[in-house]
Amino acid sequence: MFRRITLVTAATAIAAGLALTGCSAGTTAGGTAGGGATTGSSASAAPSAPAAPAAPGLNTPLTVGSFEYTALGVQDIGATAGTSPLTATAQGTFLQVDLKIANTGNSSATFIVNYVKLVDAAGKTYDADASATLYASPDQNAWVAGINPGNAIQGPILFDVPAGTAPASIQVSDNAFSKGKTITLG
């Protein structure tokens, strides 16, 4: 019993010490980061960071993991996707992103529609609508597909968004836990 309490106490002390060390890194006794006193004048501005490379746009391939994504176009298709009896009705409207996904890896990889997210001009992020994507093109399997090396699939990915939403980009990834990369749509 005492051994467990000792171990828990030691682990807590180590964790607290690491947390406090991380919080104070880069500060001096005077409380300023970077060391030294500051003057009232800011005669020299900090050097600016190099500009981030522009995200690829339509018809420009982008590799993420074993997938190579190419956004071919985007359009508002209205509030209904599919043909009777398999239809989906949007809460707002469906934005359709036509996408080509190629496997550039060395083994089979499974694409899932959740690997693609739409970002609007205001920075809001929307998940793909798997049912609407399936109904819009049931023969193309763009909502989920196993893709062998060197092969590709192509089809529409649908997003249920408020009417009037301006699509800015899509974020594509190769798994559900990756932030992914951006393709601009404008």
C-alpha atoms as a PDB file:
ATOM      1  CA  MET A   1       0.000   0.000   0.000  1.00  0.00           C
ATOM      2  CA  PHE A   2       2.779   2.429   0.966  1.00  0.00           C
ATOM      3  CA  ARG A   3       4.693   1.523  -2.186  1.00  0.00           C
ATOM      4  CA  ARG A   4       1.709   2.487  -4.383  1.00  0.00           C
ATOM      5  CA  ILE A   5       1.278   5.807  -2.544  1.00  0.00           C
ATOM      6  CA  THR A   6       4.996   6.529  -2.922  1.00  0.00           C
ATOM      7  CA  LEU A   7       4.879   5.772  -6.667  1.00  0.00           C
ATOM      8  CA  VAL A   8       1.778   7.927  -7.193  1.00  0.00           C
ATOM      9  CA  THR A   9       3.335  10.790  -5.216  1.00  0.00           C
ATOM     10  CA  ALA A  10       6.602  10.547  -7.167  1.00  0.00           C
ATOM     11  CA  ALA A  11       4.784  10.437 -10.513  1.00  0.00           C
ATOM     12  CA  THR A  12       2.671  13.457  -9.547  1.00  0.00           C
ATOM     13  CA  ALA A  13       5.760  15.418  -8.482  1.00  0.00           C
ATOM     14  CA  ILE A  14       7.555  14.611 -11.745  1.00  0.00           C
ATOM     15  CA  ALA A  15       4.510  15.598 -13.832  1.00  0.00           C
ATOM     16  CA  ALA A  16       4.123  18.867 -11.916  1.00  0.00           C
ATOM     17  CA  GLY A  17       7.824  19.640 -12.319  1.00  0.00           C
ATOM     18  CA  LEU A  18       7.684  19.019 -16.065  1.00  0.00           C
ATOM     19  CA  ALA A  19       4.568  21.160 -16.407  1.00  0.00           C
ATOM     20  CA  LEU A  20       6.145  24.054 -14.513  1.00  0.00           C
ATOM     21  CA  THR A  21       9.368  23.757 -16.516  1.00  0.00           C
ATOM     22  CA  GLY A  22       7.399  23.886 -19.775  1.00  0.00           C
ATOM     23  CA  CYS A  23       5.429  26.931 -18.622  1.00  0.00           C
ATOM     24  CA  SER A  24       8.532  28.913 -17.746  1.00  0.00           C
ATOM     25  CA  ALA A  25      10.676  28.010 -20.757  1.00  0.00           C
ATOM     26  CA  GLY A  26      11.958  31.025 -22.637  1.00  0.00           C
ATOM     27  CA  THR A  27      11.441  33.557 -19.845  1.00  0.00           C
ATOM     28  CA  THR A  28      14.031  35.327 -17.765  1.00  0.00           C
ATOM     29  CA  ALA A  29      13.962  36.535 -14.202  1.00  0.00           C
ATOM     30  CA  GLY A  30      12.457  39.800 -15.452  1.00  0.00           C
ATOM     31  CA  GLY A  31       9.548  37.897 -16.980  1.00  0.00           C
ATOM     32  CA  THR A  32      10.331  38.683 -20.600  1.00  0.00           C
ATOM     33  CA  ALA A  33      10.740  36.038 -23.244  1.00  0.00           C
ATOM     34  CA  GLY A  34      13.989  35.985 -25.132  1.00  0.00           C
ATOM     35  CA  GLY A  35      16.038  37.444 -22.279  1.00  0.00           C
ATOM     36  CA  GLY A  36      17.091  40.978 -21.563  1.00  0.00           C
ATOM     37  CA  ALA A  37      15.320  44.208 -20.907  1.00  0.00           C
ATOM     38  CA  THR A  38      13.118  45.873 -23.438  1.00  0.00           C
ATOM     39  CA  THR A  39      13.311  49.458 -24.516  1.00  0.00           C
ATOM     40  CA  GLY A  40      10.435  51.799 -25.163  1.00  0.00           C
ATOM     41  CA  SER A  41      11.371  51.993 -28.838  1.00  0.00           C
ATOM     42  CA  SER A  42      10.610  49.332 -31.378  1.00  0.00           C
ATOM     43  CA  ALA A  43      13.036  50.569 -34.007  1.00  0.00           C
ATOM     44  CA  SER A  44      13.605  47.178 -35.551  1.00  0.00           C
ATOM     45  CA  ALA A  45      10.654  45.006 -36.392  1.00  0.00           C
ATOM     46  CA  ALA A  46      10.864  41.261 -36.031  1.00  0.00           C
ATOM     47  CA  PRO A  47      11.686  39.526 -39.291  1.00  0.00           C
ATOM     48  CA  SER A  48       8.589  38.247 -41.024  1.00  0.00           C
ATOM     49  CA  ALA A  49       8.120  34.544 -41.547  1.00  0.00           C
ATOM     50  CA  PRO A  50       8.357  33.288 -45.103  1.00  0.00           C
ATOM     51  CA  ALA A  51       5.005  33.088 -46.829  1.00  0.00           C
ATOM     52  CA  ALA A  52       3.376  29.675 -46.736  1.00  0.00           C
ATOM     53  CA  PRO A  53       3.188  28.001 -50.115  1.00  0.00           C
ATOM     54  CA  ALA A  54      -0.181  28.426 -51.770  1.00  0.00           C
ATOM     55  CA  ALA A  55      -2.507  25.427 -51.588  1.00  0.00           C
ATOM     56  CA  PRO A  56      -3.109  23.672 -54.898  1.00  0.00           C
ATOM     57  CA  GLY A  57      -6.350  24.444 -56.672  1.00  0.00           C
ATOM     58  CA  LEU A  58      -8.727  22.712 -59.048  1.00  0.00           C
ATOM     59  CA  ASN A  59      -7.213  20.104 -61.393  1.00  0.00           C
ATOM     60  CA  THR A  60      -3.910  20.101 -59.458  1.00  0.00           C
ATOM     61  CA  PRO A  61      -3.050  16.765 -57.783  1.00  0.00           C
ATOM     62  CA  LEU A  62      -2.172  16.762 -54.072  1.00  0.00           C
ATOM     63  CA  THR A  63      -0.621  13.729 -52.365  1.00  0.00           C
ATOM     64  CA  VAL A  64      -1.597  12.889 -48.791  1.00  0.00           C
ATOM     65  CA  GLY A  65      -0.182   9.589 -47.546  1.00  0.00           C
ATOM     66  CA  SER A  66      -0.932   6.978 -50.208  1.00  0.00           C
ATOM     67  CA  PHE A  67      -3.739   8.998 -51.798  1.00  0.00           C
ATOM     68  CA  GLU A  68      -3.415  11.554 -54.570  1.00  0.00           C
ATOM     69  CA  TYR A  69      -6.439  13.872 -54.600  1.00  0.00           C
ATOM     70  CA  THR A  70      -7.514  16.000 -57.551  1.00  0.00           C
ATOM     71  CA  ALA A  71     -10.522  18.319 -57.154  1.00  0.00           C
ATOM     72  CA  LEU A  72     -12.156  18.622 -60.570  1.00  0.00           C
ATOM     73  CA  GLY A  73     -14.981  21.056 -59.823  1.00  0.00           C
ATOM     74  CA  VAL A  74     -17.607  22.244 -57.367  1.00  0.00           C
ATOM     75  CA  GLN A  75     -21.276  23.115 -57.856  1.00  0.00           C
ATOM     76  CA  ASP A  76     -24.511  23.637 -55.936  1.00  0.00           C
ATOM     77  CA  ILE A  77     -26.888  20.840 -56.984  1.00  0.00           C
ATOM     78  CA  GLY A  78     -29.882  21.939 -54.899  1.00  0.00           C
ATOM     79  CA  ALA A  79     -31.752  20.313 -52.028  1.00  0.00           C
ATOM     80  CA  THR A  80     -32.173  16.786 -53.440  1.00  0.00           C
ATOM     81  CA  ALA A  81     -29.588  14.187 -54.429  1.00  0.00           C
ATOM     82  CA  GLY A  82     -30.179  10.867 -56.164  1.00  0.00           C
ATOM     83  CA  THR A  83     -33.089   9.394 -58.073  1.00  0.00           C
ATOM     84  CA  SER A  84     -36.264   7.882 -56.682  1.00  0.00           C
ATOM     85  CA  PRO A  85     -36.544   5.765 -54.631  1.00  0.00           C
ATOM     86  CA  LEU A  86     -33.007   6.462 -53.323  1.00  0.00           C
ATOM     87  CA  THR A  87     -32.899  10.173 -52.601  1.00  0.00           C
ATOM     88  CA  ALA A  88     -31.477  12.394 -49.890  1.00  0.00           C
ATOM     89  CA  THR A  89     -32.892  15.780 -48.954  1.00  0.00           C
ATOM     90  CA  ALA A  90     -30.562  18.470 -47.637  1.00  0.00           C
ATOM     91  CA  GLN A  91     -31.278  20.568 -44.585  1.00  0.00           C
ATOM     92  CA  GLY A  92     -29.941  23.454 -46.701  1.00  0.00           C
ATOM     93  CA  THR A  93     -28.462  22.677 -50.109  1.00  0.00           C
ATOM     94  CA  PHE A  94     -25.973  20.146 -51.433  1.00  0.00           C
ATOM     95  CA  LEU A  95     -22.584  21.319 -52.647  1.00  0.00           C
ATOM     96  CA  GLN A  96     -21.010  18.697 -54.890  1.00  0.00           C
ATOM     97  CA  VAL A  97     -17.227  18.435 -55.177  1.00  0.00           C
ATOM     98  CA  ASP A  98     -16.105  16.228 -58.061  1.00  0.00           C
ATOM     99  CA  LEU A  99     -13.017  14.406 -56.854  1.00  0.00           C
ATOM    100  CA  LYS A 100     -10.493  11.929 -58.234  1.00  0.00           C
ATOM    101  CA  ILE A 101      -8.665   9.779 -55.674  1.00  0.00           C
ATOM    102  CA  ALA A 102      -5.671   7.689 -56.786  1.00  0.00           C
ATOM    103  CA  ASN A 103      -3.652   5.224 -54.725  1.00  0.00           C
ATOM    104  CA  THR A 104       0.038   6.088 -55.170  1.00  0.00           C
ATOM    105  CA  GLY A 105       1.191   3.720 -52.414  1.00  0.00           C
ATOM    106  CA  ASN A 106       2.490   0.156 -52.522  1.00  0.00           C
ATOM    107  CA  SER A 107      -0.537  -1.594 -51.032  1.00  0.00           C
ATOM    108  CA  SER A 108      -4.311  -1.415 -51.144  1.00  0.00           C
ATOM    109  CA  ALA A 109      -5.831   1.528 -49.269  1.00  0.00           C
ATOM    110  CA  THR A 110      -9.431   2.219 -48.308  1.00  0.00           C
ATOM    111  CA  PHE A 111     -10.883   5.647 -49.050  1.00  0.00           C
ATOM    112  CA  ILE A 112     -13.771   6.799 -46.864  1.00  0.00           C
ATOM    113  CA  VAL A 113     -15.832   9.906 -47.640  1.00  0.00           C
ATOM    114  CA  ASN A 114     -15.070  11.170 -44.108  1.00  0.00           C
ATOM    115  CA  TYR A 115     -11.487  11.851 -45.272  1.00  0.00           C
ATOM    116  CA  VAL A 116     -12.817  14.952 -47.073  1.00  0.00           C
ATOM    117  CA  LYS A 117     -14.114  18.114 -45.365  1.00  0.00           C
ATOM    118  CA  LEU A 118     -15.434  21.307 -46.963  1.00  0.00           C
ATOM    119  CA  VAL A 119     -14.357  24.711 -45.641  1.00  0.00           C
ATOM    120  CA  ASP A 120     -16.419  27.785 -46.528  1.00  0.00           C
ATOM    121  CA  ALA A 121     -15.255  31.374 -47.013  1.00  0.00           C
ATOM    122  CA  ALA A 122     -16.009  32.128 -43.324  1.00  0.00           C
ATOM    123  CA  GLY A 123     -13.792  29.237 -42.149  1.00  0.00           C
ATOM    124  CA  LYS A 124     -16.631  26.899 -41.131  1.00  0.00           C
ATOM    125  CA  THR A 125     -15.957  23.193 -41.703  1.00  0.00           C
ATOM    126  CA  TYR A 126     -18.539  20.722 -43.033  1.00  0.00           C
ATOM    127  CA  ASP A 127     -18.427  16.921 -43.075  1.00  0.00           C
ATOM    128  CA  ALA A 128     -19.323  15.053 -46.243  1.00  0.00           C
ATOM    129  CA  ASP A 129     -22.812  13.528 -46.375  1.00  0.00           C
ATOM    130  CA  ALA A 130     -22.151   9.809 -46.968  1.00  0.00           C
ATOM    131  CA  SER A 131     -25.764   8.912 -47.812  1.00  0.00           C
ATOM    132  CA  ALA A 132     -26.200  11.763 -50.281  1.00  0.00           C
ATOM    133  CA  THR A 133     -22.828  10.921 -51.854  1.00  0.00           C
ATOM    134  CA  LEU A 134     -23.946   7.302 -52.314  1.00  0.00           C
ATOM    135  CA  TYR A 135     -27.351   8.271 -53.736  1.00  0.00           C
ATOM    136  CA  ALA A 136     -25.892  10.877 -56.100  1.00  0.00           C
ATOM    137  CA  SER A 137     -23.736   8.295 -57.835  1.00  0.00           C
ATOM    138  CA  PRO A 138     -24.412   4.724 -56.667  1.00  0.00           C
ATOM    139  CA  ASP A 139     -22.286   3.160 -59.415  1.00  0.00           C
ATOM    140  CA  GLN A 140     -19.081   5.083 -58.626  1.00  0.00           C
ATOM    141  CA  ASN A 141     -18.494   4.079 -54.964  1.00  0.00           C
ATOM    142  CA  ALA A 142     -16.996   7.472 -54.100  1.00  0.00           C
ATOM    143  CA  TRP A 143     -18.307   7.239 -50.518  1.00  0.00           C
ATOM    144  CA  VAL A 144     -16.133   4.222 -49.581  1.00  0.00           C
ATOM    145  CA  ALA A 145     -13.775   2.220 -51.771  1.00  0.00           C
ATOM    146  CA  GLY A 146     -10.775  -0.046 -51.576  1.00  0.00           C
ATOM    147  CA  ILE A 147      -8.240   1.242 -54.099  1.00  0.00           C
ATOM    148  CA  ASN A 148      -5.331  -0.925 -55.235  1.00  0.00           C
ATOM    149  CA  PRO A 149      -1.914   0.631 -55.995  1.00  0.00           C
ATOM    150  CA  GLY A 150      -1.955   2.506 -59.294  1.00  0.00           C
ATOM    151  CA  ASN A 151      -5.764   2.566 -59.490  1.00  0.00           C
ATOM    152  CA  ALA A 152      -8.110   5.517 -58.994  1.00  0.00           C
ATOM    153  CA  ILE A 153     -11.764   6.276 -58.394  1.00  0.00           C
ATOM    154  CA  GLN A 154     -13.653   9.378 -59.421  1.00  0.00           C
ATOM    155  CA  GLY A 155     -16.996  10.700 -58.314  1.00  0.00           C
ATOM    156  CA  PRO A 156     -18.996  13.351 -56.504  1.00  0.00           C
ATOM    157  CA  ILE A 157     -18.656  14.057 -52.781  1.00  0.00           C
ATOM    158  CA  LEU A 158     -21.705  15.890 -51.371  1.00  0.00           C
ATOM    159  CA  PHE A 159     -21.886  18.318 -48.461  1.00  0.00           C
ATOM    160  CA  ASP A 160     -25.132  19.500 -46.834  1.00  0.00           C
ATOM    161  CA  VAL A 161     -24.568  23.215 -46.192  1.00  0.00           C
ATOM    162  CA  PRO A 162     -26.775  26.274 -45.588  1.00  0.00           C
ATOM    163  CA  ALA A 163     -28.064  27.882 -48.789  1.00  0.00           C
ATOM    164  CA  GLY A 164     -25.711  30.605 -49.996  1.00  0.00           C
ATOM    165  CA  THR A 165     -22.565  28.987 -48.547  1.00  0.00           C
ATOM    166  CA  ALA A 166     -19.454  29.991 -50.505  1.00  0.00           C
ATOM    167  CA  PRO A 167     -17.056  27.020 -50.734  1.00  0.00           C
ATOM    168  CA  ALA A 168     -13.406  28.021 -50.316  1.00  0.00           C
ATOM    169  CA  SER A 169     -11.481  24.760 -49.994  1.00  0.00           C
ATOM    170  CA  ILE A 170     -11.529  21.111 -49.059  1.00  0.00           C
ATOM    171  CA  GLN A 171      -9.329  19.399 -46.493  1.00  0.00           C
ATOM    172  CA  VAL A 172      -8.248  15.923 -47.573  1.00  0.00           C
ATOM    173  CA  SER A 173      -6.518  13.272 -45.488  1.00  0.00           C
ATOM    174  CA  ASP A 174      -5.601   9.605 -45.595  1.00  0.00           C
ATOM    175  CA  ASN A 175      -7.096   8.644 -42.228  1.00  0.00           C
ATOM    176  CA  ALA A 176      -9.656   9.822 -39.716  1.00  0.00           C
ATOM    177  CA  PHE A 177      -7.061  11.219 -37.300  1.00  0.00           C
ATOM    178  CA  SER A 178      -5.030  13.400 -39.670  1.00  0.00           C
ATOM    179  CA  LYS A 179      -5.571  17.131 -40.117  1.00  0.00           C
ATOM    180  CA  GLY A 180      -4.784  16.607 -43.790  1.00  0.00           C
ATOM    181  CA  LYS A 181      -3.945  19.118 -46.486  1.00  0.00           C
ATOM    182  CA  THR A 182      -5.910  21.818 -48.291  1.00  0.00           C
ATOM    183  CA  ILE A 183      -7.088  22.147 -51.889  1.00  0.00           C
ATOM    184  CA  THR A 184      -8.580  25.522 -52.822  1.00  0.00           C
ATOM    185  CA  LEU A 185     -11.793  25.533 -54.832  1.00  0.00           C
ATOM    186  CA  GLY A 186     -11.798  29.095 -56.126  1.00  0.00           C
END
